[in-house]
Amino acid sequence: MDGLTAAGLTQGYFHNPQFSTGALACTCTTSSYNSLQVSLNRRFSQGLMTQVNYTFAKSLDDVSDDTNAAGTTFLLPRDSTNVRLDRGRSNFDVRHQLRGGVAYELPFGKGKPWLSNGIAAKIAGGWTTSTILDISSGRPFTVVSGYSTVVPGTTSNADFNGTPQSIGGVTKTGSSVTYLSAAEKAMFSSPGLGDLGAGRNIFTGPGFFQTDFALHRVFAYRERMKLEIRGEAFNVFNNVNFSQPNATPTSASFGVISSTLAPPRILQVAAKFSF
């Protein structure tokens, strides 16, 4: 960074020393999104239907929103004269995403291979199952120093930490869930005065996996009278999907994951009567 001196670093680096810190509001940021999308839809015989969608994508921008994590304060660029220093993966960038669904009419009841006659056909027939699978890679996050190296003593535009770009793996020990090992934590170093550190959103958090299941049937009494019964299981395998880890090295909980994205398995039964 040209023009920095020891005195300038001590007082804080300003392009015009007559002014202190301030906020920048403009429409000067840019973003880009590129993706490869593949979709498969197929209706098979015997009441089987499937749909699978896969997206390989990359989203880049200078800033993904105009607020910080608390949602109350403008995010300041590290250098207001060069906002491209903050260009990186969007906060919502997901590199791989696979979503698929399967619907199947159970082979019971009238016109089906099994239990096609009598009272058994009336009870077992007409039921349909559906399954939804959602798999995606993790979202990016930024490791920050927790303080500004450009304006000493402030945290309004905390600068990023320098560190290797490949880290992480969820490890559960007792009730503690960590994303960074002790050796990985030791690789992080606080940037010095005037040092902008590593890039924005160069790390990737935990991925996501969830399967939902449903079983339903429609009972038709008359032309306008129908009763639909549904049984649903959300996150049927009770898979734990972790949130992002604490990304401030000065925090005692640095690298620790303290929350989850999706709730545990939920079971519910519903009925709807139409007339």
Protein backbone atom coordinates (compact mmCIF):
# COMPACT_ATOMS: atom_id res chain seq x y z
CA MET A 1 0.00 0.00 0.00
CA ASP A 2 1.77 3.16 -1.21
CA GLY A 3 2.20 6.16 1.00
CA LEU A 4 2.04 4.34 4.34
CA THR A 5 4.47 5.55 6.98
CA ALA A 6 5.08 4.57 10.58
CA ALA A 7 3.38 7.76 11.73
CA GLY A 8 0.47 7.17 9.38
CA LEU A 9 0.00 3.64 10.68
CA THR A 10 0.04 4.87 14.27
CA GLN A 11 -2.69 7.45 13.63
CA GLY A 12 -4.59 5.32 11.14
CA TYR A 13 -4.36 5.33 7.37
CA PHE A 14 -6.52 7.97 5.67
CA HIS A 15 -6.28 9.25 2.13
CA ASN A 16 -7.18 12.69 3.52
CA PRO A 17 -5.97 13.11 7.14
CA GLN A 18 -8.38 16.01 7.67
CA PHE A 19 -11.26 13.51 7.91
CA SER A 20 -11.84 10.62 10.28
CA THR A 21 -13.82 7.47 9.48
CA GLY A 22 -17.04 7.63 7.51
CA ALA A 23 -19.53 5.48 5.61
CA LEU A 24 -19.77 4.93 1.88
CA ALA A 25 -23.13 4.40 0.19
CA CYS A 26 -23.18 3.89 -3.57
CA THR A 27 -24.29 1.63 -6.37
CA CYS A 28 -20.71 0.88 -7.31
CA THR A 29 -20.54 -2.81 -6.47
CA THR A 30 -20.70 -5.61 -9.01
CA SER A 31 -21.75 -9.25 -9.00
CA SER A 32 -21.72 -12.20 -11.36
CA TYR A 33 -23.37 -15.61 -11.40
CA ASN A 34 -22.52 -18.52 -13.69
CA SER A 35 -23.94 -22.00 -13.52
CA LEU A 36 -24.40 -25.32 -15.26
CA GLN A 37 -27.87 -26.76 -14.66
CA VAL A 38 -28.97 -30.30 -15.44
CA SER A 39 -32.52 -31.58 -15.01
CA LEU A 40 -33.92 -35.09 -15.41
CA ASN A 41 -37.66 -35.77 -15.46
CA ARG A 42 -39.02 -39.24 -16.11
CA ARG A 43 -42.39 -40.89 -15.65
CA PHE A 44 -42.01 -44.66 -15.51
CA SER A 45 -44.65 -47.35 -15.70
CA GLN A 46 -46.45 -48.71 -12.65
CA GLY A 47 -46.95 -45.30 -11.05
CA LEU A 48 -43.31 -44.29 -10.60
CA MET A 49 -42.17 -40.72 -11.35
CA THR A 50 -38.83 -39.03 -10.63
CA GLN A 51 -37.28 -35.58 -11.00
CA VAL A 52 -33.62 -34.70 -10.35
CA ASN A 53 -31.98 -31.27 -10.62
CA TYR A 54 -28.26 -30.55 -10.29
CA THR A 55 -26.61 -27.14 -10.31
CA PHE A 56 -22.90 -26.39 -10.51
CA ALA A 57 -22.52 -22.68 -9.86
CA LYS A 58 -20.31 -19.85 -8.73
CA SER A 59 -21.45 -16.45 -7.52
CA LEU A 60 -19.00 -13.56 -7.03
CA ASP A 61 -19.54 -10.03 -5.71
CA ASP A 62 -17.94 -7.16 -3.81
CA VAL A 63 -20.51 -7.29 -1.02
CA SER A 64 -23.53 -9.56 -0.60
CA ASP A 65 -25.67 -7.16 1.47
CA ASP A 66 -25.46 -3.72 3.03
CA THR A 67 -25.46 -4.77 6.67
CA ASN A 68 -23.15 -6.62 9.01
CA ALA A 69 -24.01 -9.85 10.82
CA ALA A 70 -26.14 -7.94 13.34
CA GLY A 71 -28.16 -6.39 10.53
CA THR A 72 -27.81 -2.84 11.84
CA THR A 73 -24.64 -1.23 10.48
CA PHE A 74 -23.29 -0.57 6.99
CA LEU A 75 -20.40 -2.77 6.00
CA LEU A 76 -17.42 -0.62 5.12
CA PRO A 77 -15.05 -1.65 2.34
CA ARG A 78 -11.48 -2.18 3.43
CA ASP A 79 -10.41 0.45 0.87
CA SER A 80 -13.16 2.79 -0.38
CA THR A 81 -11.04 3.66 -3.43
CA ASN A 82 -10.73 0.02 -4.47
CA VAL A 83 -13.80 -2.00 -3.52
CA ARG A 84 -12.58 -4.86 -5.71
CA LEU A 85 -10.24 -5.80 -2.85
CA ASP A 86 -13.38 -7.24 -1.24
CA ARG A 87 -14.47 -9.17 -4.34
CA GLY A 88 -14.93 -12.85 -3.64
CA ARG A 89 -17.51 -15.60 -3.35
CA SER A 90 -20.97 -14.37 -2.42
CA ASN A 91 -22.21 -15.19 1.08
CA PHE A 92 -24.91 -17.35 -0.54
CA ASP A 93 -22.59 -19.06 -3.05
CA VAL A 94 -23.22 -22.83 -3.19
CA ARG A 95 -20.92 -24.68 -5.58
CA HIS A 96 -22.84 -27.96 -5.83
CA GLN A 97 -26.54 -28.51 -5.25
CA LEU A 98 -28.51 -31.68 -5.93
CA ARG A 99 -32.25 -31.92 -5.39
CA GLY A 100 -34.32 -34.89 -6.34
CA GLY A 101 -37.81 -36.21 -5.82
CA VAL A 102 -39.51 -39.57 -6.32
CA ALA A 103 -43.25 -40.24 -6.25
CA TYR A 104 -44.61 -43.77 -6.30
CA GLU A 105 -48.14 -45.13 -6.32
CA LEU A 106 -48.07 -48.21 -4.12
CA PRO A 107 -48.97 -51.41 -6.04
CA PHE A 108 -52.08 -52.17 -3.96
CA GLY A 109 -55.77 -51.83 -4.70
CA LYS A 110 -58.03 -52.00 -7.72
CA GLY A 111 -56.09 -52.37 -11.00
CA LYS A 112 -52.81 -53.00 -9.15
CA PRO A 113 -50.75 -56.22 -8.93
CA TRP A 114 -51.54 -56.95 -5.25
CA LEU A 115 -54.57 -56.78 -3.00
CA SER A 116 -56.74 -55.82 -5.96
CA ASN A 117 -60.06 -57.14 -4.68
CA GLY A 118 -62.33 -56.98 -1.68
CA ILE A 119 -61.98 -54.98 1.50
CA ALA A 120 -58.17 -55.18 1.37
CA ALA A 121 -58.18 -53.28 -1.92
CA LYS A 122 -60.29 -50.50 -0.41
CA ILE A 123 -57.99 -50.13 2.59
CA ALA A 124 -54.57 -50.52 0.96
CA GLY A 125 -55.30 -49.01 -2.44
CA GLY A 126 -54.73 -45.42 -3.52
CA TRP A 127 -51.72 -44.65 -1.32
CA THR A 128 -48.81 -42.66 -2.79
CA THR A 129 -45.36 -42.08 -1.33
CA SER A 130 -43.05 -39.19 -2.14
CA THR A 131 -39.43 -38.60 -1.19
CA ILE A 132 -37.40 -35.40 -1.52
CA LEU A 133 -33.59 -35.39 -1.28
CA ASP A 134 -31.61 -32.16 -0.77
CA ILE A 135 -27.79 -32.22 -0.87
CA SER A 136 -25.55 -29.17 -1.21
CA SER A 137 -21.98 -28.12 -0.52
CA GLY A 138 -21.22 -25.57 2.18
CA ARG A 139 -21.48 -21.81 1.98
CA PRO A 140 -18.39 -19.60 2.23
CA PHE A 141 -17.30 -17.62 5.28
CA THR A 142 -14.58 -15.11 6.13
CA VAL A 143 -12.16 -15.28 9.04
CA VAL A 144 -11.74 -11.76 10.47
CA SER A 145 -9.29 -10.33 12.97
CA GLY A 146 -11.98 -8.58 14.99
CA TYR A 147 -10.29 -5.19 14.70
CA SER A 148 -9.27 -2.75 11.99
CA THR A 149 -5.66 -2.56 10.90
CA VAL A 150 -6.32 0.54 8.81
CA VAL A 151 -7.98 2.55 11.58
CA PRO A 152 -6.40 1.27 14.84
CA GLY A 153 -8.74 0.94 17.78
CA THR A 154 -11.89 0.41 15.72
CA THR A 155 -13.85 -2.66 14.65
CA SER A 156 -16.14 -1.06 12.05
CA ASN A 157 -14.19 -2.50 9.14
CA ALA A 158 -12.36 -5.36 10.79
CA ASP A 159 -9.73 -6.78 8.46
CA PHE A 160 -9.29 -10.35 7.38
CA ASN A 161 -6.76 -12.77 8.78
CA GLY A 162 -4.01 -14.28 6.66
CA THR A 163 -4.21 -18.07 6.56
CA PRO A 164 -3.98 -21.12 4.26
CA GLN A 165 -7.03 -21.58 2.06
CA SER A 166 -7.88 -25.22 2.81
CA ILE A 167 -9.28 -25.93 6.27
CA GLY A 168 -12.04 -27.63 8.14
CA GLY A 169 -13.93 -30.79 8.84
CA VAL A 170 -16.71 -31.28 11.38
CA THR A 171 -15.58 -33.17 14.48
CA LYS A 172 -17.84 -33.94 17.42
CA THR A 173 -16.28 -34.63 20.81
CA GLY A 174 -18.86 -35.08 23.54
CA SER A 175 -21.11 -32.02 23.45
CA SER A 176 -18.55 -29.90 21.58
CA VAL A 177 -18.70 -29.54 17.81
CA THR A 178 -15.61 -28.08 16.15
CA TYR A 179 -14.74 -27.26 12.58
CA LEU A 180 -11.06 -26.40 13.00
CA SER A 181 -8.46 -28.58 14.66
CA ALA A 182 -5.91 -27.12 17.07
CA ALA A 183 -3.25 -27.33 14.36
CA GLU A 184 -5.48 -25.45 11.90
CA LYS A 185 -6.23 -22.74 14.45
CA ALA A 186 -2.50 -22.24 14.98
CA MET A 187 -2.09 -21.40 11.29
CA PHE A 188 -4.05 -18.16 11.66
CA SER A 189 -2.14 -14.97 12.35
CA SER A 190 -3.44 -11.46 12.98
CA PRO A 191 -2.61 -8.96 10.22
CA GLY A 192 -0.32 -6.09 11.09
CA LEU A 193 -1.11 -2.40 10.74
CA GLY A 194 -1.91 -1.56 7.15
CA ASP A 195 -2.10 -5.24 6.20
CA LEU A 196 -5.46 -6.17 4.66
CA GLY A 197 -4.94 -9.87 5.25
CA ALA A 198 -6.36 -12.71 3.18
CA GLY A 199 -9.34 -12.54 0.84
CA ARG A 200 -13.06 -12.46 1.59
CA ASN A 201 -15.07 -15.70 1.80
CA ILE A 202 -12.15 -17.96 0.91
CA PHE A 203 -13.26 -20.69 3.34
CA THR A 204 -16.18 -23.11 3.02
CA GLY A 205 -18.44 -24.24 5.82
CA PRO A 206 -20.21 -27.58 6.36
CA GLY A 207 -22.44 -29.02 3.66
CA PHE A 208 -26.15 -29.83 3.87
CA PHE A 209 -28.04 -33.14 3.61
CA GLN A 210 -31.73 -33.76 4.25
CA THR A 211 -34.37 -36.26 3.17
CA ASP A 212 -38.12 -35.74 3.55
CA PHE A 213 -40.78 -38.43 3.16
CA ALA A 214 -44.55 -38.37 2.79
CA LEU A 215 -47.38 -40.88 2.49
CA HIS A 216 -50.83 -39.70 1.43
CA ARG A 217 -54.17 -40.81 0.03
CA VAL A 218 -57.30 -39.10 -1.24
CA PHE A 219 -60.70 -40.65 -0.36
CA ALA A 220 -63.45 -39.51 -2.76
CA TYR A 221 -66.96 -39.80 -1.31
CA ARG A 222 -68.89 -37.85 -3.87
CA GLU A 223 -68.02 -35.66 -6.84
CA ARG A 224 -67.24 -32.66 -4.62
CA MET A 225 -66.42 -34.33 -1.32
CA LYS A 226 -62.85 -35.53 -0.78
CA LEU A 227 -60.79 -36.38 2.26
CA GLU A 228 -56.99 -36.26 2.01
CA ILE A 229 -54.84 -37.89 4.70
CA ARG A 230 -51.10 -37.22 4.83
CA GLY A 231 -48.29 -38.51 6.99
CA GLU A 232 -45.01 -36.55 6.67
CA ALA A 233 -41.48 -36.95 8.01
CA PHE A 234 -39.10 -34.01 7.61
CA ASN A 235 -35.39 -34.86 7.93
CA VAL A 236 -36.45 -38.49 8.17
CA PHE A 237 -32.88 -39.75 8.86
CA ASN A 238 -32.42 -37.14 11.60
CA ASN A 239 -29.24 -35.86 9.99
CA VAL A 240 -27.50 -32.95 11.74
CA ASN A 241 -26.73 -29.99 9.47
CA PHE A 242 -24.25 -27.59 11.04
CA SER A 243 -24.16 -23.80 10.76
CA GLN A 244 -20.99 -21.81 10.11
CA PRO A 245 -18.22 -21.93 12.73
CA ASN A 246 -17.14 -18.97 14.83
CA ALA A 247 -14.77 -17.07 12.52
CA THR A 248 -13.00 -14.68 14.92
CA PRO A 249 -9.58 -16.00 16.03
CA THR A 250 -9.52 -13.72 19.09
CA SER A 251 -12.64 -15.46 20.40
CA ALA A 252 -12.33 -18.36 22.83
CA SER A 253 -14.85 -20.27 20.71
CA PHE A 254 -12.99 -19.77 17.43
CA GLY A 255 -13.70 -22.69 15.10
CA VAL A 256 -16.58 -23.95 17.24
CA ILE A 257 -20.02 -24.59 15.72
CA SER A 258 -22.75 -23.63 18.17
CA SER A 259 -25.94 -24.04 16.10
CA THR A 260 -27.57 -26.10 13.37
CA LEU A 261 -29.36 -25.12 10.17
CA ALA A 262 -32.29 -27.51 10.11
CA PRO A 263 -34.42 -28.91 12.94
CA PRO A 264 -34.22 -32.58 13.94
CA ARG A 265 -36.65 -35.13 12.58
CA ILE A 266 -40.24 -33.88 12.57
CA LEU A 267 -43.23 -36.22 12.17
CA GLN A 268 -46.74 -34.96 11.50
CA VAL A 269 -50.13 -36.23 10.37
CA ALA A 270 -52.64 -34.01 8.61
CA ALA A 271 -56.13 -34.34 7.16
CA LYS A 272 -57.97 -32.06 4.72
CA PHE A 273 -61.65 -32.29 3.84
CA SER A 274 -62.78 -30.63 0.60
CA PHE A 275 -66.41 -30.05 -0.36
